[in-house]
Amino acid sequence: MALVALFETENMTYDSYATVLRRLAAAGAAAPAGRMHHTCYGDPSRLRVVDVFDTQENFAAFGQVLQPILDDVGVRLRPPILQPVHNIIRG
């Protein structure tokens, strides 16, 4: 079952977000398996991210790549809010 993950950060800026994206691309995880949607939004000093993954397993595998990058860049996350997806409408 698909799940939505809301990541609230304490300090992610446009620059640190761009750095994380570059590091994910370098790690071969710019488009991780199972990610169906990605949005970054919010206060420029505390950006938020919403991802939708097809399975908990694919989400967890991405987290194994993402977390060390966030730690290295200095981005502090609150625990993600995870919810099962009821419906997705595209377009």
N, C-alpha and C. Protein backbone atom coordinates (compact mmCIF):
# COMPACT_ATOMS: atom_id res chain seq x y z
N MET A 1 0.84 -1.18 0.00
CA MET A 1 0.00 0.00 0.00
C MET A 1 0.88 1.24 0.00
N ALA A 2 0.50 2.22 -0.79
CA ALA A 2 1.26 3.48 -0.89
C ALA A 2 1.16 4.26 0.42
N LEU A 3 2.18 5.08 0.66
CA LEU A 3 2.15 5.92 1.85
C LEU A 3 2.68 7.30 1.53
N VAL A 4 2.17 8.28 2.26
CA VAL A 4 2.63 9.66 2.14
C VAL A 4 3.51 9.95 3.36
N ALA A 5 4.61 10.64 3.11
CA ALA A 5 5.55 11.00 4.17
C ALA A 5 5.72 12.51 4.17
N LEU A 6 5.40 13.14 5.29
CA LEU A 6 5.61 14.58 5.46
C LEU A 6 6.84 14.77 6.33
N PHE A 7 7.82 15.48 5.78
CA PHE A 7 9.05 15.79 6.50
C PHE A 7 9.04 17.26 6.86
N GLU A 8 9.05 17.56 8.14
CA GLU A 8 9.18 18.94 8.61
C GLU A 8 10.61 19.11 9.11
N THR A 9 11.28 20.13 8.61
CA THR A 9 12.67 20.36 9.00
C THR A 9 12.74 21.52 9.98
N GLU A 10 13.83 21.56 10.69
CA GLU A 10 14.08 22.67 11.61
C GLU A 10 14.93 23.75 10.97
N ASN A 11 15.60 23.41 9.85
CA ASN A 11 16.59 24.36 9.33
C ASN A 11 16.91 24.22 7.84
N MET A 12 16.13 23.50 7.07
CA MET A 12 16.50 23.32 5.67
C MET A 12 16.14 24.56 4.85
N THR A 13 17.14 25.08 4.16
CA THR A 13 17.00 26.27 3.30
C THR A 13 17.03 25.83 1.84
N TYR A 14 16.82 26.79 0.93
CA TYR A 14 16.93 26.48 -0.49
C TYR A 14 18.32 25.93 -0.82
N ASP A 15 19.35 26.51 -0.23
CA ASP A 15 20.72 26.07 -0.52
C ASP A 15 20.97 24.66 0.00
N SER A 16 20.56 24.38 1.22
CA SER A 16 20.79 23.03 1.75
C SER A 16 19.94 21.99 1.02
N TYR A 17 18.73 22.38 0.62
CA TYR A 17 17.88 21.48 -0.18
C TYR A 17 18.57 21.15 -1.50
N ALA A 18 19.12 22.16 -2.17
CA ALA A 18 19.82 21.93 -3.44
C ALA A 18 21.03 21.02 -3.24
N THR A 19 21.73 21.20 -2.13
CA THR A 19 22.88 20.34 -1.82
C THR A 19 22.44 18.90 -1.62
N VAL A 20 21.35 18.70 -0.89
CA VAL A 20 20.83 17.35 -0.68
C VAL A 20 20.46 16.72 -2.02
N LEU A 21 19.80 17.46 -2.89
CA LEU A 21 19.43 16.92 -4.20
C LEU A 21 20.67 16.53 -5.02
N ARG A 22 21.70 17.36 -4.99
CA ARG A 22 22.94 17.03 -5.71
C ARG A 22 23.58 15.77 -5.14
N ARG A 23 23.60 15.66 -3.83
CA ARG A 23 24.20 14.49 -3.19
C ARG A 23 23.39 13.22 -3.48
N LEU A 24 22.06 13.34 -3.50
CA LEU A 24 21.23 12.19 -3.85
C LEU A 24 21.50 11.75 -5.29
N ALA A 25 21.62 12.71 -6.20
CA ALA A 25 21.92 12.38 -7.60
C ALA A 25 23.27 11.68 -7.71
N ALA A 26 24.26 12.17 -6.98
CA ALA A 26 25.59 11.55 -7.01
C ALA A 26 25.56 10.12 -6.45
N ALA A 27 24.62 9.87 -5.54
CA ALA A 27 24.48 8.54 -4.93
C ALA A 27 23.57 7.64 -5.76
N GLY A 28 23.07 8.14 -6.90
CA GLY A 28 22.18 7.36 -7.74
C GLY A 28 20.76 7.26 -7.19
N ALA A 29 20.38 8.20 -6.32
CA ALA A 29 19.07 8.14 -5.67
C ALA A 29 18.22 9.37 -5.94
N ALA A 30 18.47 10.05 -7.06
CA ALA A 30 17.66 11.23 -7.38
C ALA A 30 16.22 10.84 -7.67
N ALA A 31 16.02 9.67 -8.24
CA ALA A 31 14.68 9.14 -8.51
C ALA A 31 14.61 7.74 -7.91
N PRO A 32 14.43 7.67 -6.58
CA PRO A 32 14.49 6.37 -5.91
C PRO A 32 13.36 5.44 -6.31
N ALA A 33 13.64 4.16 -6.25
CA ALA A 33 12.63 3.15 -6.57
C ALA A 33 11.39 3.37 -5.72
N GLY A 34 10.26 3.39 -6.38
CA GLY A 34 8.99 3.46 -5.67
C GLY A 34 8.48 4.84 -5.33
N ARG A 35 9.31 5.88 -5.52
CA ARG A 35 8.81 7.22 -5.22
C ARG A 35 7.88 7.66 -6.34
N MET A 36 6.67 8.02 -5.96
CA MET A 36 5.64 8.39 -6.93
C MET A 36 5.48 9.90 -7.05
N HIS A 37 5.89 10.63 -6.02
CA HIS A 37 5.70 12.08 -6.00
C HIS A 37 6.66 12.69 -5.00
N HIS A 38 7.12 13.92 -5.31
CA HIS A 38 7.99 14.68 -4.41
C HIS A 38 7.63 16.15 -4.53
N THR A 39 7.42 16.81 -3.40
CA THR A 39 7.18 18.25 -3.38
C THR A 39 7.95 18.85 -2.22
N CYS A 40 8.60 19.97 -2.48
CA CYS A 40 9.27 20.76 -1.44
C CYS A 40 8.58 22.11 -1.40
N TYR A 41 8.28 22.59 -0.18
CA TYR A 41 7.54 23.84 -0.05
C TYR A 41 7.78 24.45 1.34
N GLY A 42 7.29 25.66 1.51
CA GLY A 42 7.23 26.25 2.83
C GLY A 42 8.19 27.39 3.09
N ASP A 43 8.32 27.72 4.35
CA ASP A 43 9.18 28.79 4.84
C ASP A 43 10.61 28.55 4.35
N PRO A 44 11.23 29.52 3.70
CA PRO A 44 12.57 29.33 3.13
C PRO A 44 13.65 28.99 4.15
N SER A 45 13.38 29.14 5.42
CA SER A 45 14.37 28.75 6.43
C SER A 45 14.03 27.42 7.10
N ARG A 46 12.86 26.86 6.79
CA ARG A 46 12.41 25.58 7.37
C ARG A 46 11.56 24.84 6.34
N LEU A 47 12.14 24.56 5.19
CA LEU A 47 11.40 23.90 4.12
C LEU A 47 10.81 22.57 4.59
N ARG A 48 9.73 22.20 3.97
CA ARG A 48 9.08 20.91 4.22
C ARG A 48 9.09 20.11 2.92
N VAL A 49 8.99 18.80 3.06
CA VAL A 49 8.95 17.91 1.91
C VAL A 49 7.82 16.91 2.10
N VAL A 50 7.11 16.65 1.00
CA VAL A 50 6.12 15.59 0.97
C VAL A 50 6.53 14.62 -0.12
N ASP A 51 6.65 13.36 0.25
CA ASP A 51 6.94 12.30 -0.71
C ASP A 51 5.82 11.27 -0.63
N VAL A 52 5.53 10.65 -1.76
CA VAL A 52 4.62 9.51 -1.80
C VAL A 52 5.41 8.34 -2.35
N PHE A 53 5.40 7.23 -1.62
CA PHE A 53 6.09 6.01 -2.02
C PHE A 53 5.08 4.89 -2.20
N ASP A 54 5.41 3.97 -3.08
CA ASP A 54 4.50 2.86 -3.35
C ASP A 54 4.44 1.84 -2.22
N THR A 55 5.55 1.67 -1.50
CA THR A 55 5.57 0.71 -0.39
C THR A 55 6.43 1.24 0.76
N GLN A 56 6.19 0.72 1.93
CA GLN A 56 7.00 1.04 3.11
C GLN A 56 8.45 0.60 2.89
N GLU A 57 8.63 -0.53 2.22
CA GLU A 57 9.98 -1.05 1.98
C GLU A 57 10.81 -0.10 1.11
N ASN A 58 10.21 0.42 0.04
CA ASN A 58 10.94 1.36 -0.81
C ASN A 58 11.22 2.67 -0.08
N PHE A 59 10.28 3.12 0.74
CA PHE A 59 10.50 4.31 1.55
C PHE A 59 11.67 4.09 2.51
N ALA A 60 11.70 2.95 3.18
CA ALA A 60 12.77 2.65 4.13
C ALA A 60 14.13 2.55 3.42
N ALA A 61 14.15 1.96 2.25
CA ALA A 61 15.41 1.85 1.49
C ALA A 61 15.93 3.23 1.12
N PHE A 62 15.05 4.12 0.70
CA PHE A 62 15.47 5.48 0.38
C PHE A 62 16.01 6.18 1.63
N GLY A 63 15.37 5.96 2.75
CA GLY A 63 15.82 6.57 4.01
C GLY A 63 17.25 6.18 4.36
N GLN A 64 17.65 4.97 4.00
CA GLN A 64 19.02 4.52 4.28
C GLN A 64 20.05 5.34 3.50
N VAL A 65 19.66 5.86 2.35
CA VAL A 65 20.54 6.71 1.55
C VAL A 65 20.41 8.17 1.99
N LEU A 66 19.17 8.59 2.22
CA LEU A 66 18.90 10.00 2.53
C LEU A 66 19.46 10.45 3.88
N GLN A 67 19.25 9.67 4.93
CA GLN A 67 19.59 10.14 6.27
C GLN A 67 21.07 10.51 6.44
N PRO A 68 22.01 9.69 5.95
CA PRO A 68 23.41 10.10 6.08
C PRO A 68 23.73 11.40 5.34
N ILE A 69 23.06 11.63 4.22
CA ILE A 69 23.27 12.87 3.47
C ILE A 69 22.74 14.05 4.28
N LEU A 70 21.53 13.91 4.82
CA LEU A 70 20.97 14.98 5.66
C LEU A 70 21.89 15.28 6.84
N ASP A 71 22.38 14.22 7.49
CA ASP A 71 23.28 14.40 8.63
C ASP A 71 24.53 15.16 8.22
N ASP A 72 25.11 14.78 7.08
CA ASP A 72 26.34 15.40 6.62
C ASP A 72 26.13 16.87 6.25
N VAL A 73 24.97 17.18 5.66
CA VAL A 73 24.66 18.55 5.26
C VAL A 73 24.24 19.40 6.46
N GLY A 74 23.81 18.73 7.54
CA GLY A 74 23.40 19.45 8.75
C GLY A 74 21.91 19.77 8.80
N VAL A 75 21.12 19.09 7.96
CA VAL A 75 19.67 19.30 7.98
C VAL A 75 19.08 18.49 9.13
N ARG A 76 18.31 19.17 9.97
CA ARG A 76 17.66 18.52 11.10
C ARG A 76 16.19 18.30 10.78
N LEU A 77 15.77 17.04 10.85
CA LEU A 77 14.38 16.66 10.58
C LEU A 77 13.66 16.31 11.86
N ARG A 78 12.39 16.62 11.89
CA ARG A 78 11.52 16.03 12.91
C ARG A 78 11.16 14.64 12.40
N PRO A 79 10.71 13.75 13.27
CA PRO A 79 10.29 12.43 12.76
C PRO A 79 9.22 12.60 11.69
N PRO A 80 9.32 11.86 10.58
CA PRO A 80 8.34 12.03 9.51
C PRO A 80 6.95 11.59 9.96
N ILE A 81 5.96 12.25 9.39
CA ILE A 81 4.57 11.86 9.61
C ILE A 81 4.21 10.95 8.45
N LEU A 82 3.88 9.71 8.74
CA LEU A 82 3.57 8.71 7.72
C LEU A 82 2.09 8.34 7.79
N GLN A 83 1.44 8.31 6.64
CA GLN A 83 0.04 7.95 6.56
C GLN A 83 -0.19 7.10 5.31
N PRO A 84 -1.06 6.10 5.40
CA PRO A 84 -1.40 5.35 4.19
C PRO A 84 -2.16 6.24 3.22
N VAL A 85 -1.96 5.98 1.94
CA VAL A 85 -2.64 6.76 0.90
C VAL A 85 -3.99 6.10 0.62
N HIS A 86 -5.02 6.91 0.60
CA HIS A 86 -6.36 6.42 0.28
C HIS A 86 -6.62 6.48 -1.22
N ASN A 87 -6.15 7.56 -1.87
CA ASN A 87 -6.44 7.72 -3.29
C ASN A 87 -5.42 8.67 -3.90
N ILE A 88 -5.08 8.43 -5.15
CA ILE A 88 -4.23 9.33 -5.93
C ILE A 88 -4.94 9.65 -7.23
N ILE A 89 -5.08 10.93 -7.54
CA ILE A 89 -5.65 11.37 -8.80
C ILE A 89 -4.56 12.15 -9.53
N ARG A 90 -4.25 11.76 -10.73
CA ARG A 90 -3.20 12.44 -11.50
C ARG A 90 -3.82 13.30 -12.58
N GLY A 91 -3.18 14.47 -12.78
CA GLY A 91 -3.59 15.33 -13.88
C GLY A 91 -4.86 16.10 -13.68
